Amino acid sequence: MRSGSVRRSLASIVLGFELIVVFLATLVIFGLSDLPAWVTLGGGALLCLIMVATLGLLRYNWAYGIGWAIQVIIVATGFLNPAMFVVGALFAGMWVYCMINGAKIDRQQKENT
């Protein structure tokens, strides 16, 4: 049986799905906004790269801080497309839930070992 952090697994799942949504949202914002293409596509690509890097760095505790910052940035993209306020809030809520319950499960598993 593979032993690992539940918090890390849940963070990976949330960030992985969020990565897909951010990519698609970048295309929507590109199509609907008056921003230059390099700003919209470059910003979306940069955010996607940061998310991919964070997925690989979740073995370090400080990477979860980057995950929190990503949640704030995604909610802030609502200023570019108001629907992203809702999408960002949903993912931020999932992130909070997963961080709290993942850490709780990890503590319980550590106590039982």
N, C-alpha and C. Protein backbone atom coordinates (compact mmCIF):
# COMPACT_ATOMS: atom_id res chain seq x y z
N MET A 1 0.84 -1.18 0.00
CA MET A 1 0.00 0.00 0.00
C MET A 1 0.89 1.24 0.00
N ARG A 2 0.57 2.18 -0.85
CA ARG A 2 1.35 3.40 -0.96
C ARG A 2 0.93 4.38 0.13
N SER A 3 1.88 4.83 0.90
CA SER A 3 1.55 5.81 1.93
C SER A 3 1.92 7.19 1.42
N GLY A 4 1.03 8.13 1.64
CA GLY A 4 1.27 9.50 1.20
C GLY A 4 0.32 10.42 1.92
N SER A 5 0.49 11.67 1.67
CA SER A 5 -0.33 12.68 2.31
C SER A 5 -1.66 12.83 1.58
N VAL A 6 -2.73 12.76 2.33
CA VAL A 6 -4.06 12.96 1.76
C VAL A 6 -4.18 14.42 1.32
N ARG A 7 -3.63 15.33 2.09
CA ARG A 7 -3.68 16.74 1.73
C ARG A 7 -3.00 16.98 0.39
N ARG A 8 -1.88 16.34 0.18
CA ARG A 8 -1.16 16.49 -1.09
C ARG A 8 -1.97 15.91 -2.25
N SER A 9 -2.59 14.77 -2.04
CA SER A 9 -3.42 14.16 -3.09
C SER A 9 -4.61 15.05 -3.44
N LEU A 10 -5.28 15.57 -2.42
CA LEU A 10 -6.43 16.43 -2.68
C LEU A 10 -6.01 17.73 -3.36
N ALA A 11 -4.87 18.29 -2.94
CA ALA A 11 -4.36 19.52 -3.58
C ALA A 11 -4.05 19.26 -5.05
N SER A 12 -3.48 18.11 -5.35
CA SER A 12 -3.17 17.76 -6.74
C SER A 12 -4.43 17.66 -7.58
N ILE A 13 -5.46 17.07 -7.01
CA ILE A 13 -6.72 16.91 -7.73
C ILE A 13 -7.34 18.28 -8.03
N VAL A 14 -7.42 19.13 -7.01
CA VAL A 14 -8.02 20.45 -7.20
C VAL A 14 -7.22 21.26 -8.22
N LEU A 15 -5.90 21.31 -8.06
CA LEU A 15 -5.07 22.09 -8.99
C LEU A 15 -5.12 21.51 -10.41
N GLY A 16 -5.21 20.21 -10.53
CA GLY A 16 -5.28 19.59 -11.84
C GLY A 16 -6.54 19.98 -12.59
N PHE A 17 -7.68 19.90 -11.92
CA PHE A 17 -8.93 20.31 -12.55
C PHE A 17 -8.96 21.81 -12.80
N GLU A 18 -8.41 22.55 -11.86
CA GLU A 18 -8.36 24.00 -11.99
C GLU A 18 -7.50 24.42 -13.18
N LEU A 19 -6.46 23.67 -13.43
CA LEU A 19 -5.58 23.95 -14.57
C LEU A 19 -6.36 23.89 -15.89
N ILE A 20 -7.19 22.89 -16.02
CA ILE A 20 -8.02 22.76 -17.23
C ILE A 20 -8.97 23.95 -17.35
N VAL A 21 -9.60 24.32 -16.25
CA VAL A 21 -10.55 25.42 -16.26
C VAL A 21 -9.85 26.74 -16.58
N VAL A 22 -8.66 26.96 -16.02
CA VAL A 22 -7.92 28.19 -16.28
C VAL A 22 -7.52 28.26 -17.75
N PHE A 23 -7.09 27.16 -18.32
CA PHE A 23 -6.75 27.14 -19.74
C PHE A 23 -7.96 27.55 -20.59
N LEU A 24 -9.10 26.94 -20.31
CA LEU A 24 -10.31 27.26 -21.08
C LEU A 24 -10.78 28.69 -20.82
N ALA A 25 -10.67 29.14 -19.59
CA ALA A 25 -11.06 30.52 -19.26
C ALA A 25 -10.17 31.52 -19.96
N THR A 26 -8.89 31.18 -20.12
CA THR A 26 -7.97 32.05 -20.85
C THR A 26 -8.46 32.25 -22.28
N LEU A 27 -8.90 31.18 -22.91
CA LEU A 27 -9.41 31.27 -24.27
C LEU A 27 -10.70 32.10 -24.34
N VAL A 28 -11.55 31.95 -23.35
CA VAL A 28 -12.79 32.73 -23.31
C VAL A 28 -12.48 34.21 -23.13
N ILE A 29 -11.60 34.52 -22.19
CA ILE A 29 -11.25 35.92 -21.94
C ILE A 29 -10.56 36.51 -23.16
N PHE A 30 -9.73 35.74 -23.82
CA PHE A 30 -9.08 36.19 -25.06
C PHE A 30 -10.13 36.57 -26.11
N GLY A 31 -11.13 35.75 -26.24
CA GLY A 31 -12.16 35.99 -27.25
C GLY A 31 -13.11 37.13 -26.91
N LEU A 32 -13.32 37.38 -25.63
CA LEU A 32 -14.33 38.35 -25.23
C LEU A 32 -13.78 39.71 -24.79
N SER A 33 -12.52 39.79 -24.47
CA SER A 33 -12.01 41.05 -23.92
C SER A 33 -11.31 41.89 -24.98
N ASP A 34 -11.09 43.14 -24.63
CA ASP A 34 -10.39 44.07 -25.51
C ASP A 34 -8.90 44.12 -25.21
N LEU A 35 -8.43 43.29 -24.31
CA LEU A 35 -7.01 43.27 -23.97
C LEU A 35 -6.20 42.75 -25.16
N PRO A 36 -4.96 43.20 -25.26
CA PRO A 36 -4.10 42.64 -26.32
C PRO A 36 -3.93 41.13 -26.13
N ALA A 37 -3.77 40.43 -27.24
CA ALA A 37 -3.66 38.97 -27.20
C ALA A 37 -2.48 38.52 -26.35
N TRP A 38 -1.36 39.23 -26.43
CA TRP A 38 -0.18 38.79 -25.67
C TRP A 38 -0.42 38.91 -24.17
N VAL A 39 -1.23 39.88 -23.75
CA VAL A 39 -1.53 40.02 -22.32
C VAL A 39 -2.42 38.87 -21.86
N THR A 40 -3.49 38.64 -22.59
CA THR A 40 -4.45 37.60 -22.21
C THR A 40 -3.83 36.21 -22.28
N LEU A 41 -3.28 35.87 -23.44
CA LEU A 41 -2.72 34.53 -23.61
C LEU A 41 -1.44 34.35 -22.80
N GLY A 42 -0.64 35.39 -22.72
CA GLY A 42 0.59 35.30 -21.92
C GLY A 42 0.30 35.15 -20.44
N GLY A 43 -0.67 35.93 -19.95
CA GLY A 43 -1.04 35.81 -18.54
C GLY A 43 -1.63 34.46 -18.21
N GLY A 44 -2.49 33.96 -19.09
CA GLY A 44 -3.08 32.64 -18.88
C GLY A 44 -2.04 31.54 -18.92
N ALA A 45 -1.11 31.66 -19.89
CA ALA A 45 -0.04 30.65 -20.00
C ALA A 45 0.85 30.69 -18.77
N LEU A 46 1.16 31.89 -18.30
CA LEU A 46 2.00 32.01 -17.10
C LEU A 46 1.31 31.39 -15.89
N LEU A 47 0.03 31.68 -15.72
CA LEU A 47 -0.71 31.09 -14.60
C LEU A 47 -0.75 29.57 -14.71
N CYS A 48 -0.95 29.05 -15.93
CA CYS A 48 -0.95 27.59 -16.12
C CYS A 48 0.41 26.99 -15.79
N LEU A 49 1.48 27.66 -16.20
CA LEU A 49 2.83 27.16 -15.88
C LEU A 49 3.09 27.17 -14.38
N ILE A 50 2.64 28.21 -13.70
CA ILE A 50 2.80 28.27 -12.25
C ILE A 50 2.03 27.13 -11.59
N MET A 51 0.85 26.84 -12.10
CA MET A 51 0.06 25.75 -11.54
C MET A 51 0.73 24.39 -11.76
N VAL A 52 1.28 24.18 -12.95
CA VAL A 52 1.98 22.93 -13.23
C VAL A 52 3.20 22.80 -12.31
N ALA A 53 3.94 23.89 -12.15
CA ALA A 53 5.12 23.86 -11.27
C ALA A 53 4.69 23.58 -9.83
N THR A 54 3.60 24.18 -9.40
CA THR A 54 3.12 23.95 -8.03
C THR A 54 2.72 22.51 -7.83
N LEU A 55 2.11 21.90 -8.84
CA LEU A 55 1.76 20.48 -8.74
C LEU A 55 3.00 19.64 -8.46
N GLY A 56 4.10 19.97 -9.10
CA GLY A 56 5.33 19.22 -8.89
C GLY A 56 6.02 19.53 -7.57
N LEU A 57 5.69 20.67 -6.97
CA LEU A 57 6.36 21.09 -5.74
C LEU A 57 5.55 20.82 -4.48
N LEU A 58 4.42 20.15 -4.59
CA LEU A 58 3.56 19.94 -3.43
C LEU A 58 4.19 19.07 -2.35
N ARG A 59 5.33 18.47 -2.64
CA ARG A 59 6.01 17.69 -1.59
C ARG A 59 6.61 18.60 -0.53
N TYR A 60 6.72 19.90 -0.85
CA TYR A 60 7.24 20.89 0.10
C TYR A 60 6.07 21.68 0.68
N ASN A 61 6.13 21.93 1.99
CA ASN A 61 5.03 22.65 2.65
C ASN A 61 4.84 24.06 2.11
N TRP A 62 5.92 24.74 1.71
CA TRP A 62 5.80 26.11 1.22
C TRP A 62 5.03 26.19 -0.09
N ALA A 63 4.93 25.09 -0.82
CA ALA A 63 4.20 25.10 -2.10
C ALA A 63 2.70 25.29 -1.89
N TYR A 64 2.21 24.92 -0.72
CA TYR A 64 0.78 25.13 -0.44
C TYR A 64 0.47 26.62 -0.35
N GLY A 65 1.44 27.43 0.07
CA GLY A 65 1.27 28.88 0.05
C GLY A 65 1.09 29.40 -1.36
N ILE A 66 1.81 28.82 -2.31
CA ILE A 66 1.63 29.19 -3.72
C ILE A 66 0.23 28.79 -4.16
N GLY A 67 -0.23 27.64 -3.70
CA GLY A 67 -1.59 27.20 -4.02
C GLY A 67 -2.64 28.18 -3.53
N TRP A 68 -2.44 28.72 -2.32
CA TRP A 68 -3.36 29.73 -1.80
C TRP A 68 -3.32 30.98 -2.66
N ALA A 69 -2.12 31.39 -3.07
CA ALA A 69 -1.98 32.58 -3.92
C ALA A 69 -2.67 32.36 -5.26
N ILE A 70 -2.57 31.16 -5.80
CA ILE A 70 -3.24 30.84 -7.07
C ILE A 70 -4.75 31.02 -6.92
N GLN A 71 -5.29 30.59 -5.79
CA GLN A 71 -6.73 30.74 -5.57
C GLN A 71 -7.14 32.21 -5.59
N VAL A 72 -6.34 33.06 -4.96
CA VAL A 72 -6.63 34.49 -4.93
C VAL A 72 -6.57 35.08 -6.34
N ILE A 73 -5.56 34.69 -7.10
CA ILE A 73 -5.41 35.19 -8.47
C ILE A 73 -6.60 34.78 -9.33
N ILE A 74 -7.03 33.55 -9.19
CA ILE A 74 -8.14 33.06 -10.02
C ILE A 74 -9.44 33.78 -9.67
N VAL A 75 -9.67 34.04 -8.39
CA VAL A 75 -10.85 34.83 -8.02
C VAL A 75 -10.73 36.23 -8.61
N ALA A 76 -9.52 36.79 -8.60
CA ALA A 76 -9.30 38.14 -9.14
C ALA A 76 -9.51 38.21 -10.65
N THR A 77 -9.42 37.09 -11.35
CA THR A 77 -9.68 37.12 -12.79
C THR A 77 -11.14 37.44 -13.08
N GLY A 78 -11.95 37.45 -12.05
CA GLY A 78 -13.34 37.86 -12.20
C GLY A 78 -13.47 39.30 -12.68
N PHE A 79 -12.42 40.09 -12.47
CA PHE A 79 -12.45 41.46 -12.99
C PHE A 79 -12.32 41.48 -14.51
N LEU A 80 -11.80 40.42 -15.09
CA LEU A 80 -11.71 40.31 -16.54
C LEU A 80 -12.96 39.68 -17.14
N ASN A 81 -13.54 38.73 -16.42
CA ASN A 81 -14.77 38.07 -16.83
C ASN A 81 -15.55 37.75 -15.56
N PRO A 82 -16.67 38.41 -15.31
CA PRO A 82 -17.39 38.24 -14.04
C PRO A 82 -17.75 36.80 -13.69
N ALA A 83 -17.88 35.93 -14.65
CA ALA A 83 -18.18 34.52 -14.35
C ALA A 83 -17.04 33.87 -13.57
N MET A 84 -15.83 34.42 -13.71
CA MET A 84 -14.68 33.84 -13.00
C MET A 84 -14.75 34.10 -11.49
N PHE A 85 -15.54 35.09 -11.06
CA PHE A 85 -15.75 35.25 -9.62
C PHE A 85 -16.41 34.00 -9.05
N VAL A 86 -17.40 33.49 -9.76
CA VAL A 86 -18.11 32.28 -9.32
C VAL A 86 -17.20 31.06 -9.41
N VAL A 87 -16.54 30.91 -10.55
CA VAL A 87 -15.64 29.76 -10.75
C VAL A 87 -14.51 29.80 -9.73
N GLY A 88 -13.91 30.97 -9.56
CA GLY A 88 -12.82 31.11 -8.59
C GLY A 88 -13.27 30.83 -7.17
N ALA A 89 -14.46 31.30 -6.82
CA ALA A 89 -14.98 31.05 -5.47
C ALA A 89 -15.24 29.57 -5.25
N LEU A 90 -15.74 28.88 -6.28
CA LEU A 90 -15.98 27.44 -6.15
C LEU A 90 -14.67 26.68 -5.93
N PHE A 91 -13.66 27.01 -6.74
CA PHE A 91 -12.38 26.33 -6.57
C PHE A 91 -11.70 26.71 -5.26
N ALA A 92 -11.82 27.97 -4.87
CA ALA A 92 -11.24 28.39 -3.58
C ALA A 92 -11.92 27.64 -2.43
N GLY A 93 -13.23 27.47 -2.53
CA GLY A 93 -13.95 26.71 -1.51
C GLY A 93 -13.50 25.26 -1.46
N MET A 94 -13.31 24.66 -2.64
CA MET A 94 -12.80 23.28 -2.67
C MET A 94 -11.40 23.21 -2.08
N TRP A 95 -10.57 24.21 -2.40
CA TRP A 95 -9.20 24.25 -1.89
C TRP A 95 -9.21 24.31 -0.36
N VAL A 96 -10.02 25.21 0.20
CA VAL A 96 -10.10 25.34 1.66
C VAL A 96 -10.57 24.03 2.28
N TYR A 97 -11.62 23.45 1.73
CA TYR A 97 -12.16 22.20 2.25
C TYR A 97 -11.10 21.09 2.21
N CYS A 98 -10.41 20.98 1.09
CA CYS A 98 -9.40 19.92 0.94
C CYS A 98 -8.21 20.14 1.86
N MET A 99 -7.81 21.38 2.05
CA MET A 99 -6.67 21.65 2.92
C MET A 99 -7.01 21.34 4.38
N ILE A 100 -8.19 21.74 4.80
CA ILE A 100 -8.59 21.50 6.20
C ILE A 100 -8.79 20.01 6.45
N ASN A 101 -9.59 19.36 5.61
CA ASN A 101 -9.89 17.94 5.84
C ASN A 101 -8.71 17.04 5.51
N GLY A 102 -7.92 17.40 4.51
CA GLY A 102 -6.72 16.61 4.20
C GLY A 102 -5.74 16.60 5.36
N ALA A 103 -5.51 17.79 5.95
CA ALA A 103 -4.61 17.87 7.11
C ALA A 103 -5.18 17.10 8.30
N LYS A 104 -6.49 17.16 8.48
CA LYS A 104 -7.14 16.43 9.58
C LYS A 104 -6.97 14.92 9.40
N ILE A 105 -7.19 14.43 8.20
CA ILE A 105 -7.04 12.99 7.93
C ILE A 105 -5.59 12.57 8.11
N ASP A 106 -4.65 13.40 7.64
CA ASP A 106 -3.22 13.08 7.81
C ASP A 106 -2.85 13.00 9.29
N ARG A 107 -3.39 13.92 10.11
CA ARG A 107 -3.12 13.87 11.55
C ARG A 107 -3.69 12.60 12.17
N GLN A 108 -4.91 12.23 11.78
CA GLN A 108 -5.53 11.02 12.32
C GLN A 108 -4.76 9.77 11.92
N GLN A 109 -4.28 9.73 10.69
CA GLN A 109 -3.49 8.59 10.24
C GLN A 109 -2.17 8.50 11.01
N LYS A 110 -1.59 9.65 11.28
CA LYS A 110 -0.32 9.68 12.02
C LYS A 110 -0.53 9.20 13.46
N GLU A 111 -1.65 9.58 14.04
CA GLU A 111 -1.96 9.14 15.41
C GLU A 111 -2.21 7.65 15.49
N ASN A 112 -2.81 7.08 14.46
CA ASN A 112 -3.13 5.66 14.45
C ASN A 112 -1.92 4.78 14.11
N THR A 113 -0.84 5.39 13.67
CA THR A 113 0.32 4.61 13.30
C THR A 113 1.26 4.42 14.45
